[in-house]
All heavy atoms as atom14 arrays in JSON, in Angstrom:
{
  "sequence": "VFSKTQKLAKVKQKDFDAVFYPGGHGPLWDL",
  "atom14_mask": [
    [1, 1, 1, 1, 1, 1, 1, 0, 0, 0, 0, 0, 0, 0],
    [1, 1, 1, 1, 1, 1, 1, 1, 1, 1, 1, 0, 0, 0],
    [1, 1, 1, 1, 1, 1, 0, 0, 0, 0, 0, 0, 0, 0],
    [1, 1, 1, 1, 1, 1, 1, 1, 1, 0, 0, 0, 0, 0],
    [1, 1, 1, 1, 1, 1, 1, 0, 0, 0, 0, 0, 0, 0],
    [1, 1, 1, 1, 1, 1, 1, 1, 1, 0, 0, 0, 0, 0],
    [1, 1, 1, 1, 1, 1, 1, 1, 1, 0, 0, 0, 0, 0],
    [1, 1, 1, 1, 1, 1, 1, 1, 0, 0, 0, 0, 0, 0],
    [1, 1, 1, 1, 1, 0, 0, 0, 0, 0, 0, 0, 0, 0],
    [1, 1, 1, 1, 1, 1, 1, 1, 1, 0, 0, 0, 0, 0],
    [1, 1, 1, 1, 1, 1, 1, 0, 0, 0, 0, 0, 0, 0],
    [1, 1, 1, 1, 1, 1, 1, 1, 1, 0, 0, 0, 0, 0],
    [1, 1, 1, 1, 1, 1, 1, 1, 1, 0, 0, 0, 0, 0],
    [1, 1, 1, 1, 1, 1, 1, 1, 1, 0, 0, 0, 0, 0],
    [1, 1, 1, 1, 1, 1, 1, 1, 0, 0, 0, 0, 0, 0],
    [1, 1, 1, 1, 1, 1, 1, 1, 1, 1, 1, 0, 0, 0],
    [1, 1, 1, 1, 1, 1, 1, 1, 0, 0, 0, 0, 0, 0],
    [1, 1, 1, 1, 1, 0, 0, 0, 0, 0, 0, 0, 0, 0],
    [1, 1, 1, 1, 1, 1, 1, 0, 0, 0, 0, 0, 0, 0],
    [1, 1, 1, 1, 1, 1, 1, 1, 1, 1, 1, 0, 0, 0],
    [1, 1, 1, 1, 1, 1, 1, 1, 1, 1, 1, 1, 0, 0],
    [1, 1, 1, 1, 1, 1, 1, 0, 0, 0, 0, 0, 0, 0],
    [1, 1, 1, 1, 0, 0, 0, 0, 0, 0, 0, 0, 0, 0],
    [1, 1, 1, 1, 0, 0, 0, 0, 0, 0, 0, 0, 0, 0],
    [1, 1, 1, 1, 1, 1, 1, 1, 1, 1, 0, 0, 0, 0],
    [1, 1, 1, 1, 0, 0, 0, 0, 0, 0, 0, 0, 0, 0],
    [1, 1, 1, 1, 1, 1, 1, 0, 0, 0, 0, 0, 0, 0],
    [1, 1, 1, 1, 1, 1, 1, 1, 0, 0, 0, 0, 0, 0],
    [1, 1, 1, 1, 1, 1, 1, 1, 1, 1, 1, 1, 1, 1],
    [1, 1, 1, 1, 1, 1, 1, 1, 0, 0, 0, 0, 0, 0],
    [1, 1, 1, 1, 1, 1, 1, 1, 0, 0, 0, 0, 0, 0]
  ],
  "atom14_positions": [
    [[0.84, -1.2, 0.0], [0.0, 0.0, 0.0], [0.87, 1.25, 0.0], [0.58, 2.24, -0.68], [-0.97, -0.01, 1.2], [-1.79, 1.26, 1.24], [-1.89, -1.22, 1.1], [0.0, 0.0, 0.0], [0.0, 0.0, 0.0], [0.0, 0.0, 0.0], [0.0, 0.0, 0.0], [0.0, 0.0, 0.0], [0.0, 0.0, 0.0], [0.0, 0.0, 0.0]],
    [[1.97, 1.23, 0.76], [2.91, 2.35, 0.82], [3.48, 2.65, -0.57], [3.73, 3.81, -0.91], [4.03, 2.0, 1.8], [5.03, 3.09, 2.02], [4.77, 4.14, 2.89], [6.26, 3.07, 1.38], [5.7, 5.14, 3.11], [7.2, 4.06, 1.58], [6.91, 5.11, 2.45], [0.0, 0.0, 0.0], [0.0, 0.0, 0.0], [0.0, 0.0, 0.0]],
    [[3.65, 1.62, -1.37], [4.22, 1.8, -2.71], [3.22, 2.37, -3.7], [3.58, 2.73, -4.82], [4.75, 0.46, -3.24], [3.68, -0.4, -3.6], [0.0, 0.0, 0.0], [0.0, 0.0, 0.0], [0.0, 0.0, 0.0], [0.0, 0.0, 0.0], [0.0, 0.0, 0.0], [0.0, 0.0, 0.0], [0.0, 0.0, 0.0], [0.0, 0.0, 0.0]],
    [[1.94, 2.42, -3.29], [0.89, 2.9, -4.2], [0.12, 4.06, -3.58], [-1.11, 4.07, -3.57], [-0.06, 1.75, -4.53], [0.61, 0.6, -5.27], [-0.38, -0.53, -5.57], [0.29, -1.66, -6.33], [-0.66, -2.76, -6.65], [0.0, 0.0, 0.0], [0.0, 0.0, 0.0], [0.0, 0.0, 0.0], [0.0, 0.0, 0.0], [0.0, 0.0, 0.0]],
    [[0.85, 5.05, -3.06], [0.18, 6.19, -2.44], [-0.73, 6.9, -3.43], [-0.45, 6.94, -4.64], [1.19, 7.21, -1.88], [1.94, 7.77, -2.96], [2.14, 6.57, -0.88], [0.0, 0.0, 0.0], [0.0, 0.0, 0.0], [0.0, 0.0, 0.0], [0.0, 0.0, 0.0], [0.0, 0.0, 0.0], [0.0, 0.0, 0.0], [0.0, 0.0, 0.0]],
    [[-1.8, 7.44, -2.91], [-2.72, 8.24, -3.73], [-2.04, 9.55, -4.12], [-1.22, 10.09, -3.39], [-3.98, 8.56, -2.93], [-4.84, 7.36, -2.59], [-5.52, 6.8, -3.82], [-6.29, 7.48, -4.48], [-5.24, 5.55, -4.12], [0.0, 0.0, 0.0], [0.0, 0.0, 0.0], [0.0, 0.0, 0.0], [0.0, 0.0, 0.0], [0.0, 0.0, 0.0]],
    [[-2.42, 10.09, -5.27], [-1.96, 11.43, -5.62], [-2.69, 12.44, -4.74], [-3.9, 12.34, -4.54], [-2.23, 11.73, -7.1], [-1.2, 11.13, -8.03], [-1.32, 11.7, -9.43], [-0.21, 11.18, -10.31], [-0.27, 11.75, -11.68], [0.0, 0.0, 0.0], [0.0, 0.0, 0.0], [0.0, 0.0, 0.0], [0.0, 0.0, 0.0], [0.0, 0.0, 0.0]],
    [[-1.94, 13.39, -4.24], [-2.5, 14.38, -3.32], [-3.71, 15.09, -3.93], [-4.67, 15.43, -3.24], [-1.41, 15.38, -2.96], [-1.57, 16.21, -1.69], [-1.86, 15.33, -0.48], [-0.3, 17.03, -1.45], [0.0, 0.0, 0.0], [0.0, 0.0, 0.0], [0.0, 0.0, 0.0], [0.0, 0.0, 0.0], [0.0, 0.0, 0.0], [0.0, 0.0, 0.0]],
    [[-3.67, 15.29, -5.24], [-4.75, 16.01, -5.92], [-6.08, 15.26, -5.87], [-7.14, 15.86, -6.06], [-4.37, 16.27, -7.37], [0.0, 0.0, 0.0], [0.0, 0.0, 0.0], [0.0, 0.0, 0.0], [0.0, 0.0, 0.0], [0.0, 0.0, 0.0], [0.0, 0.0, 0.0], [0.0, 0.0, 0.0], [0.0, 0.0, 0.0], [0.0, 0.0, 0.0]],
    [[-6.02, 13.96, -5.58], [-7.23, 13.14, -5.62], [-7.89, 12.95, -4.25], [-9.0, 12.42, -4.18], [-6.92, 11.77, -6.23], [-6.52, 11.85, -7.7], [-6.3, 10.46, -8.27], [-5.95, 10.51, -9.75], [-5.73, 9.16, -10.33], [0.0, 0.0, 0.0], [0.0, 0.0, 0.0], [0.0, 0.0, 0.0], [0.0, 0.0, 0.0], [0.0, 0.0, 0.0]],
    [[-7.22, 13.36, -3.18], [-7.81, 13.16, -1.85], [-8.56, 14.4, -1.41], [-8.22, 15.51, -1.8], [-6.74, 12.77, -0.8], [-6.1, 11.45, -1.15], [-5.69, 13.86, -0.66], [0.0, 0.0, 0.0], [0.0, 0.0, 0.0], [0.0, 0.0, 0.0], [0.0, 0.0, 0.0], [0.0, 0.0, 0.0], [0.0, 0.0, 0.0], [0.0, 0.0, 0.0]],
    [[-9.59, 14.19, -0.59], [-10.43, 15.29, -0.14], [-10.57, 15.27, 1.38], [-10.74, 14.21, 1.98], [-11.8, 15.2, -0.8], [-11.76, 15.32, -2.33], [-13.14, 15.18, -2.93], [-13.07, 15.28, -4.45], [-14.42, 15.12, -5.07], [0.0, 0.0, 0.0], [0.0, 0.0, 0.0], [0.0, 0.0, 0.0], [0.0, 0.0, 0.0], [0.0, 0.0, 0.0]],
    [[-10.54, 16.43, 1.94], [-10.64, 16.59, 3.39], [-11.89, 15.93, 3.96], [-11.85, 15.32, 5.04], [-10.6, 18.09, 3.72], [-11.05, 18.47, 5.11], [-12.56, 18.7, 5.18], [-13.21, 18.21, 6.09], [-13.11, 19.41, 4.22], [0.0, 0.0, 0.0], [0.0, 0.0, 0.0], [0.0, 0.0, 0.0], [0.0, 0.0, 0.0], [0.0, 0.0, 0.0]],
    [[-12.99, 16.02, 3.22], [-14.28, 15.53, 3.74], [-14.29, 14.03, 4.01], [-15.14, 13.54, 4.76], [-15.41, 15.89, 2.78], [-15.36, 15.18, 1.45], [-16.53, 15.61, 0.56], [-16.5, 14.91, -0.79], [-16.67, 13.45, -0.7], [0.0, 0.0, 0.0], [0.0, 0.0, 0.0], [0.0, 0.0, 0.0], [0.0, 0.0, 0.0], [0.0, 0.0, 0.0]],
    [[-13.32, 13.31, 3.43], [-13.28, 11.86, 3.6], [-12.51, 11.39, 4.82], [-12.4, 10.19, 5.08], [-12.66, 11.21, 2.35], [-13.5, 11.43, 1.1], [-14.74, 11.46, 1.23], [-12.91, 11.58, 0.01], [0.0, 0.0, 0.0], [0.0, 0.0, 0.0], [0.0, 0.0, 0.0], [0.0, 0.0, 0.0], [0.0, 0.0, 0.0], [0.0, 0.0, 0.0]],
    [[-11.95, 12.35, 5.59], [-11.07, 11.99, 6.7], [-11.4, 12.77, 7.97], [-12.02, 13.83, 7.93], [-9.61, 12.26, 6.3], [-9.17, 11.5, 5.09], [-9.24, 12.08, 3.83], [-8.73, 10.19, 5.19], [-8.87, 11.38, 2.69], [-8.35, 9.47, 4.07], [-8.43, 10.07, 2.81], [0.0, 0.0, 0.0], [0.0, 0.0, 0.0], [0.0, 0.0, 0.0]],
    [[-10.95, 12.2, 9.09], [-11.15, 12.85, 10.39], [-9.97, 13.71, 10.8], [-10.11, 14.58, 11.66], [-11.38, 11.78, 11.46], [-12.62, 10.94, 11.18], [-13.72, 11.51, 11.23], [-12.49, 9.74, 10.89], [0.0, 0.0, 0.0], [0.0, 0.0, 0.0], [0.0, 0.0, 0.0], [0.0, 0.0, 0.0], [0.0, 0.0, 0.0], [0.0, 0.0, 0.0]],
    [[-8.8, 13.47, 10.22], [-7.59, 14.21, 10.57], [-6.54, 13.97, 9.5], [-6.68, 13.06, 8.66], [-7.05, 13.75, 11.93], [0.0, 0.0, 0.0], [0.0, 0.0, 0.0], [0.0, 0.0, 0.0], [0.0, 0.0, 0.0], [0.0, 0.0, 0.0], [0.0, 0.0, 0.0], [0.0, 0.0, 0.0], [0.0, 0.0, 0.0], [0.0, 0.0, 0.0]],
    [[-5.48, 14.77, 9.53], [-4.36, 14.57, 8.62], [-3.06, 14.55, 9.42], [-2.91, 15.29, 10.39], [-4.32, 15.65, 7.51], [-4.04, 17.04, 8.08], [-3.3, 15.3, 6.44], [0.0, 0.0, 0.0], [0.0, 0.0, 0.0], [0.0, 0.0, 0.0], [0.0, 0.0, 0.0], [0.0, 0.0, 0.0], [0.0, 0.0, 0.0], [0.0, 0.0, 0.0]],
    [[-2.14, 13.68, 9.0], [-0.86, 13.53, 9.69], [0.27, 13.61, 8.66], [0.24, 12.91, 7.64], [-0.8, 12.16, 10.39], [0.43, 11.96, 11.24], [0.37, 12.1, 12.62], [1.64, 11.63, 10.66], [1.5, 11.9, 13.4], [2.79, 11.44, 11.43], [2.71, 11.58, 12.81], [0.0, 0.0, 0.0], [0.0, 0.0, 0.0], [0.0, 0.0, 0.0]],
    [[1.25, 14.48, 8.93], [2.4, 14.64, 8.04], [3.66, 14.09, 8.72], [4.19, 14.72, 9.63], [2.62, 16.11, 7.72], [1.73, 16.69, 6.64], [0.36, 16.83, 6.83], [2.27, 17.11, 5.43], [-0.46, 17.36, 5.84], [1.46, 17.66, 4.43], [0.11, 17.79, 4.64], [-0.69, 18.32, 3.66], [0.0, 0.0, 0.0], [0.0, 0.0, 0.0]],
    [[4.19, 12.94, 8.29], [5.5, 12.49, 8.75], [6.58, 13.37, 8.11], [6.34, 14.01, 7.08], [5.59, 11.05, 8.24], [4.2, 10.67, 7.86], [3.55, 11.94, 7.43], [0.0, 0.0, 0.0], [0.0, 0.0, 0.0], [0.0, 0.0, 0.0], [0.0, 0.0, 0.0], [0.0, 0.0, 0.0], [0.0, 0.0, 0.0], [0.0, 0.0, 0.0]],
    [[7.78, 13.36, 8.72], [8.84, 14.21, 8.22], [9.87, 13.51, 7.36], [9.57, 12.68, 6.52], [0.0, 0.0, 0.0], [0.0, 0.0, 0.0], [0.0, 0.0, 0.0], [0.0, 0.0, 0.0], [0.0, 0.0, 0.0], [0.0, 0.0, 0.0], [0.0, 0.0, 0.0], [0.0, 0.0, 0.0], [0.0, 0.0, 0.0], [0.0, 0.0, 0.0]],
    [[11.13, 13.83, 7.62], [12.2, 13.57, 6.69], [12.52, 14.89, 6.02], [11.72, 15.83, 6.06], [0.0, 0.0, 0.0], [0.0, 0.0, 0.0], [0.0, 0.0, 0.0], [0.0, 0.0, 0.0], [0.0, 0.0, 0.0], [0.0, 0.0, 0.0], [0.0, 0.0, 0.0], [0.0, 0.0, 0.0], [0.0, 0.0, 0.0], [0.0, 0.0, 0.0]],
    [[13.68, 15.01, 5.39], [14.04, 16.3, 4.8], [13.26, 16.61, 3.53], [13.18, 17.78, 3.12], [15.55, 16.33, 4.52], [16.38, 16.61, 5.73], [16.8, 15.61, 6.59], [16.84, 17.77, 6.25], [17.5, 16.16, 7.58], [17.53, 17.46, 7.4], [0.0, 0.0, 0.0], [0.0, 0.0, 0.0], [0.0, 0.0, 0.0], [0.0, 0.0, 0.0]],
    [[12.68, 15.6, 2.9], [11.95, 15.82, 1.65], [10.93, 16.94, 1.69], [10.86, 17.77, 0.77], [0.0, 0.0, 0.0], [0.0, 0.0, 0.0], [0.0, 0.0, 0.0], [0.0, 0.0, 0.0], [0.0, 0.0, 0.0], [0.0, 0.0, 0.0], [0.0, 0.0, 0.0], [0.0, 0.0, 0.0], [0.0, 0.0, 0.0], [0.0, 0.0, 0.0]],
    [[10.08, 17.02, 2.74], [9.04, 18.05, 2.77], [9.56, 19.49, 2.68], [8.81, 20.39, 2.29], [8.36, 17.81, 4.14], [8.56, 16.36, 4.39], [9.94, 16.07, 3.85], [0.0, 0.0, 0.0], [0.0, 0.0, 0.0], [0.0, 0.0, 0.0], [0.0, 0.0, 0.0], [0.0, 0.0, 0.0], [0.0, 0.0, 0.0], [0.0, 0.0, 0.0]],
    [[10.82, 19.71, 3.04], [11.38, 21.06, 2.94], [11.33, 21.55, 1.5], [11.2, 22.76, 1.27], [12.83, 21.07, 3.44], [13.04, 20.83, 4.94], [14.5, 20.53, 5.23], [12.59, 22.04, 5.74], [0.0, 0.0, 0.0], [0.0, 0.0, 0.0], [0.0, 0.0, 0.0], [0.0, 0.0, 0.0], [0.0, 0.0, 0.0], [0.0, 0.0, 0.0]],
    [[11.44, 20.63, 0.55], [11.48, 21.02, -0.86], [10.11, 20.97, -1.52], [9.77, 21.87, -2.29], [12.48, 20.15, -1.62], [13.89, 20.59, -1.46], [14.55, 21.54, -2.2], [14.83, 20.12, -0.49], [15.84, 21.68, -1.73], [16.05, 20.82, -0.7], [14.78, 19.17, 0.53], [17.19, 20.6, 0.07], [15.91, 18.95, 1.29], [17.11, 19.66, 1.07]],
    [[9.32, 19.92, -1.27], [8.06, 19.84, -2.02], [6.82, 20.27, -1.24], [6.04, 21.1, -1.72], [7.86, 18.46, -2.65], [7.72, 17.31, -1.67], [7.95, 17.49, -0.46], [7.38, 16.18, -2.13], [0.0, 0.0, 0.0], [0.0, 0.0, 0.0], [0.0, 0.0, 0.0], [0.0, 0.0, 0.0], [0.0, 0.0, 0.0], [0.0, 0.0, 0.0]],
    [[6.63, 19.76, -0.04], [5.38, 20.06, 0.68], [5.31, 21.5, 1.2], [4.23, 22.0, 1.47], [5.18, 19.07, 1.83], [4.94, 17.62, 1.37], [4.89, 16.68, 2.57], [3.66, 17.5, 0.55], [0.0, 0.0, 0.0], [0.0, 0.0, 0.0], [0.0, 0.0, 0.0], [0.0, 0.0, 0.0], [0.0, 0.0, 0.0], [0.0, 0.0, 0.0]]
  ]
}
């Protein structure tokens, strides 16, 4: 499942109760 993440553009807030952002240095550049 981790290898098949959804594209961010396709997910909607209304479908979830919360959002969680794990780190790593990657988010400094893209997120």
